Amino acid sequence: MVSSWQVQHAARVVSQGGVIAYPTEAVWGLGCDPWDELAVDRLLALKNRPMHKGLIVVADDIRQFDFLLEDLPDVWQERLAGSWPGPNTWLVPHQGRLPEWITGEHDSVALRVTDHPLVQALCALTGPLVSTSANPAGRPSARSRLRVEQYFPGQLDKVLGGALGGRKNPSLIRDLRTGDVIRPS
């Protein structure tokens, strides 16, 4: 069981520009403040992931994404609300409201409202977080804290312990505009 103090400490690390690892629904994730360019640059360097690919942003509640969703057609907003919280990541038009270090070369951003209690508690304190799998590019996603620490020995500012959410695969990714599946779950 993870204490609220540990979650508060992880949130403080994020607010100070840190990069953390934490368990998600299916795999371990790396996270940081999506508005902190230096933290995102560091996270991308740790993963050896090019910026142009973009990153997923996770929240504890759909309201944390209101600034991105307010102008979307009602049918799209209903589609999002009907699938969250849960293992659904949507590519949502960002309308220039997020920095390029998050969106990459895309006109959409990958968003998910988590149903993992630990990630919800963390996002309730930090606001939306970058959420990308905790692995160097080309390596399998970490499914244990030990694997995270093997991949990134001494390189993370905090590893927030806890259990994975029990899903076998990372979230389904779909395009909000077309409904097309980009990555099956």
Protein backbone atom coordinates (compact mmCIF):
# COMPACT_ATOMS: atom_id res chain seq x y z
CA MET A 1 0.00 0.00 0.00
CA VAL A 2 1.36 3.39 -0.98
CA SER A 3 0.96 6.12 1.61
CA SER A 4 -0.48 9.52 0.85
CA TRP A 5 2.88 10.95 1.97
CA GLN A 6 4.64 9.02 -0.82
CA VAL A 7 2.16 10.36 -3.39
CA GLN A 8 2.60 13.90 -2.03
CA HIS A 9 6.38 13.53 -2.22
CA ALA A 10 6.16 12.33 -5.84
CA ALA A 11 3.91 15.29 -6.68
CA ARG A 12 6.43 17.67 -5.10
CA VAL A 13 9.24 16.09 -7.15
CA VAL A 14 7.17 16.63 -10.32
CA SER A 15 6.44 20.26 -9.36
CA GLN A 16 10.19 20.83 -8.93
CA GLY A 17 10.97 19.61 -12.45
CA GLY A 18 11.63 15.97 -11.65
CA VAL A 19 11.08 12.86 -13.71
CA ILE A 20 9.37 10.00 -11.89
CA ALA A 21 8.35 6.41 -12.52
CA TYR A 22 5.01 5.03 -11.36
CA PRO A 23 2.78 2.00 -11.97
CA THR A 24 -0.10 2.43 -14.41
CA GLU A 25 -2.92 0.19 -15.56
CA ALA A 26 -0.68 -2.31 -17.42
CA VAL A 27 2.97 -1.19 -17.38
CA TRP A 28 5.22 1.17 -15.46
CA GLY A 29 5.24 4.74 -16.71
CA LEU A 30 7.60 7.67 -16.70
CA GLY A 31 6.10 11.03 -15.96
CA CYS A 32 6.80 14.70 -15.48
CA ASP A 33 5.08 18.07 -15.73
CA PRO A 34 4.00 18.48 -19.37
CA TRP A 35 4.52 22.27 -19.11
CA ASP A 36 8.15 21.90 -18.01
CA GLU A 37 10.23 21.75 -21.19
CA LEU A 38 13.44 20.80 -19.38
CA ALA A 39 11.75 17.91 -17.57
CA VAL A 40 10.18 16.65 -20.81
CA ASP A 41 13.53 16.94 -22.61
CA ARG A 42 15.15 14.91 -19.86
CA LEU A 43 12.42 12.26 -19.99
CA LEU A 44 12.78 11.98 -23.78
CA ALA A 45 16.56 11.65 -23.42
CA LEU A 46 16.16 8.89 -20.83
CA LYS A 47 13.92 6.97 -23.22
CA ASN A 48 15.95 7.89 -26.29
CA ARG A 49 12.63 8.95 -27.83
CA PRO A 50 12.50 11.66 -30.48
CA MET A 51 10.33 14.68 -29.65
CA HIS A 52 8.51 14.59 -32.99
CA LYS A 53 6.59 11.45 -31.92
CA GLY A 54 4.67 13.24 -29.16
CA LEU A 55 3.69 11.98 -25.72
CA ILE A 56 0.59 10.83 -23.86
CA VAL A 57 -0.82 13.11 -21.17
CA VAL A 58 -2.84 11.51 -18.38
CA ALA A 59 -5.29 13.09 -15.93
CA ASP A 60 -7.40 11.99 -13.00
CA ASP A 61 -10.60 13.57 -14.28
CA ILE A 62 -11.87 14.82 -17.64
CA ARG A 63 -12.15 18.33 -16.14
CA GLN A 64 -8.34 18.55 -16.13
CA PHE A 65 -8.60 18.60 -19.93
CA ASP A 66 -11.37 21.23 -20.15
CA PHE A 67 -8.98 23.76 -21.73
CA LEU A 68 -8.52 21.35 -24.66
CA LEU A 69 -12.07 20.03 -24.96
CA GLU A 70 -14.25 23.13 -24.55
CA ASP A 71 -14.48 23.90 -28.29
CA LEU A 72 -14.92 20.32 -29.51
CA PRO A 73 -18.20 19.14 -31.04
CA ASP A 74 -20.63 17.67 -28.52
CA VAL A 75 -20.45 14.24 -30.14
CA TRP A 76 -16.69 14.12 -29.58
CA GLN A 77 -17.03 15.28 -25.99
CA GLU A 78 -19.65 12.58 -25.38
CA ARG A 79 -17.34 9.96 -26.91
CA LEU A 80 -14.57 10.97 -24.52
CA ALA A 81 -16.80 11.17 -21.46
CA GLY A 82 -18.28 7.75 -22.23
CA SER A 83 -14.87 6.08 -22.37
CA TRP A 84 -13.17 7.69 -19.35
CA PRO A 85 -11.89 6.93 -16.85
CA GLY A 86 -10.40 3.81 -18.33
CA PRO A 87 -7.88 2.25 -20.69
CA ASN A 88 -8.71 4.54 -23.60
CA THR A 89 -6.23 7.01 -25.02
CA TRP A 90 -7.64 9.41 -27.60
CA LEU A 91 -5.83 11.54 -30.16
CA VAL A 92 -7.54 14.88 -29.63
CA PRO A 93 -7.00 18.06 -31.69
CA HIS A 94 -4.90 20.34 -29.48
CA GLN A 95 -5.63 23.61 -31.33
CA GLY A 96 -2.17 24.92 -30.43
CA ARG A 97 -2.95 24.81 -26.71
CA LEU A 98 -0.09 22.49 -25.80
CA PRO A 99 3.63 22.91 -26.40
CA GLU A 100 5.41 21.16 -29.27
CA TRP A 101 7.53 19.15 -26.82
CA ILE A 102 4.28 17.32 -25.92
CA THR A 103 2.49 17.21 -29.27
CA GLY A 104 5.51 16.57 -31.46
CA GLU A 105 4.76 17.10 -35.14
CA HIS A 106 1.06 16.29 -34.69
CA ASP A 107 -2.06 18.45 -34.72
CA SER A 108 -3.51 16.20 -32.02
CA VAL A 109 -2.39 15.11 -28.56
CA ALA A 110 -2.80 11.71 -26.90
CA LEU A 111 -5.00 12.06 -23.80
CA ARG A 112 -6.19 9.53 -21.21
CA VAL A 113 -8.16 9.80 -18.00
CA THR A 114 -6.80 7.04 -15.81
CA ASP A 115 -8.74 4.67 -13.63
CA HIS A 116 -5.61 3.61 -11.71
CA PRO A 117 -6.09 4.87 -8.12
CA LEU A 118 -2.44 5.76 -7.57
CA VAL A 119 -2.16 7.71 -10.82
CA GLN A 120 -5.48 9.41 -10.04
CA ALA A 121 -4.16 10.50 -6.63
CA LEU A 122 -0.95 11.77 -8.21
CA CYS A 123 -2.73 13.73 -10.95
CA ALA A 124 -5.15 15.19 -8.40
CA LEU A 125 -2.10 16.87 -6.86
CA THR A 126 -0.05 17.67 -9.97
CA GLY A 127 -2.63 18.22 -12.67
CA PRO A 128 -2.12 16.36 -15.95
CA LEU A 129 1.12 14.38 -16.25
CA VAL A 130 3.19 13.05 -19.09
CA SER A 131 2.65 9.29 -19.12
CA THR A 132 4.93 7.23 -21.32
CA SER A 133 6.05 3.65 -20.85
CA ALA A 134 9.10 3.22 -18.62
CA ASN A 135 11.54 1.72 -21.09
CA PRO A 136 14.28 2.86 -23.43
CA ALA A 137 13.14 3.00 -27.06
CA GLY A 138 13.03 -0.46 -28.60
CA ARG A 139 12.99 -2.32 -25.26
CA PRO A 140 9.97 -4.04 -23.69
CA SER A 141 7.83 -1.94 -21.35
CA ALA A 142 8.73 -2.36 -17.70
CA ARG A 143 6.25 -4.48 -15.79
CA SER A 144 8.07 -4.30 -12.45
CA ARG A 145 9.84 -1.74 -10.31
CA LEU A 146 13.00 -3.83 -10.60
CA ARG A 147 12.93 -3.52 -14.41
CA VAL A 148 12.45 0.25 -14.13
CA GLU A 149 15.48 0.48 -11.88
CA GLN A 150 17.50 -1.74 -14.25
CA TYR A 151 16.56 0.42 -17.23
CA PHE A 152 17.23 3.74 -15.46
CA PRO A 153 19.71 3.09 -12.62
CA GLY A 154 20.00 6.23 -10.50
CA GLN A 155 18.56 8.39 -13.30
CA LEU A 156 15.06 9.07 -11.95
CA ASP A 157 14.16 11.58 -9.27
CA LYS A 158 11.54 9.31 -7.70
CA VAL A 159 10.15 5.82 -8.19
CA LEU A 160 6.66 5.73 -6.71
CA GLY A 161 6.03 2.17 -5.60
CA GLY A 162 2.74 0.40 -6.04
CA ALA A 163 0.98 -2.26 -8.02
CA LEU A 164 0.08 -2.30 -11.69
CA GLY A 165 -3.61 -2.09 -12.48
CA GLY A 166 -3.93 -5.65 -13.70
CA ARG A 167 -4.39 -5.06 -17.42
CA LYS A 168 -2.35 -7.15 -19.84
CA ASN A 169 -1.78 -4.45 -22.46
CA PRO A 170 -1.30 -0.69 -22.56
CA SER A 171 -4.32 1.44 -23.38
CA LEU A 172 -6.14 1.39 -26.67
CA ILE A 173 -5.29 4.46 -28.77
CA ARG A 174 -7.94 5.88 -31.11
CA ASP A 175 -8.30 8.98 -33.23
CA LEU A 176 -11.16 11.09 -31.88
CA ARG A 177 -11.97 12.57 -35.30
CA THR A 178 -12.32 9.25 -37.14
CA GLY A 179 -12.71 6.65 -34.40
CA ASP A 180 -9.88 4.67 -36.07
CA VAL A 181 -7.81 2.42 -33.80
CA ILE A 182 -4.16 3.51 -33.88
CA ARG A 183 -2.92 0.97 -31.30
CA PRO A 184 -5.07 -1.97 -30.19
CA SER A 185 -5.15 -2.83 -26.51
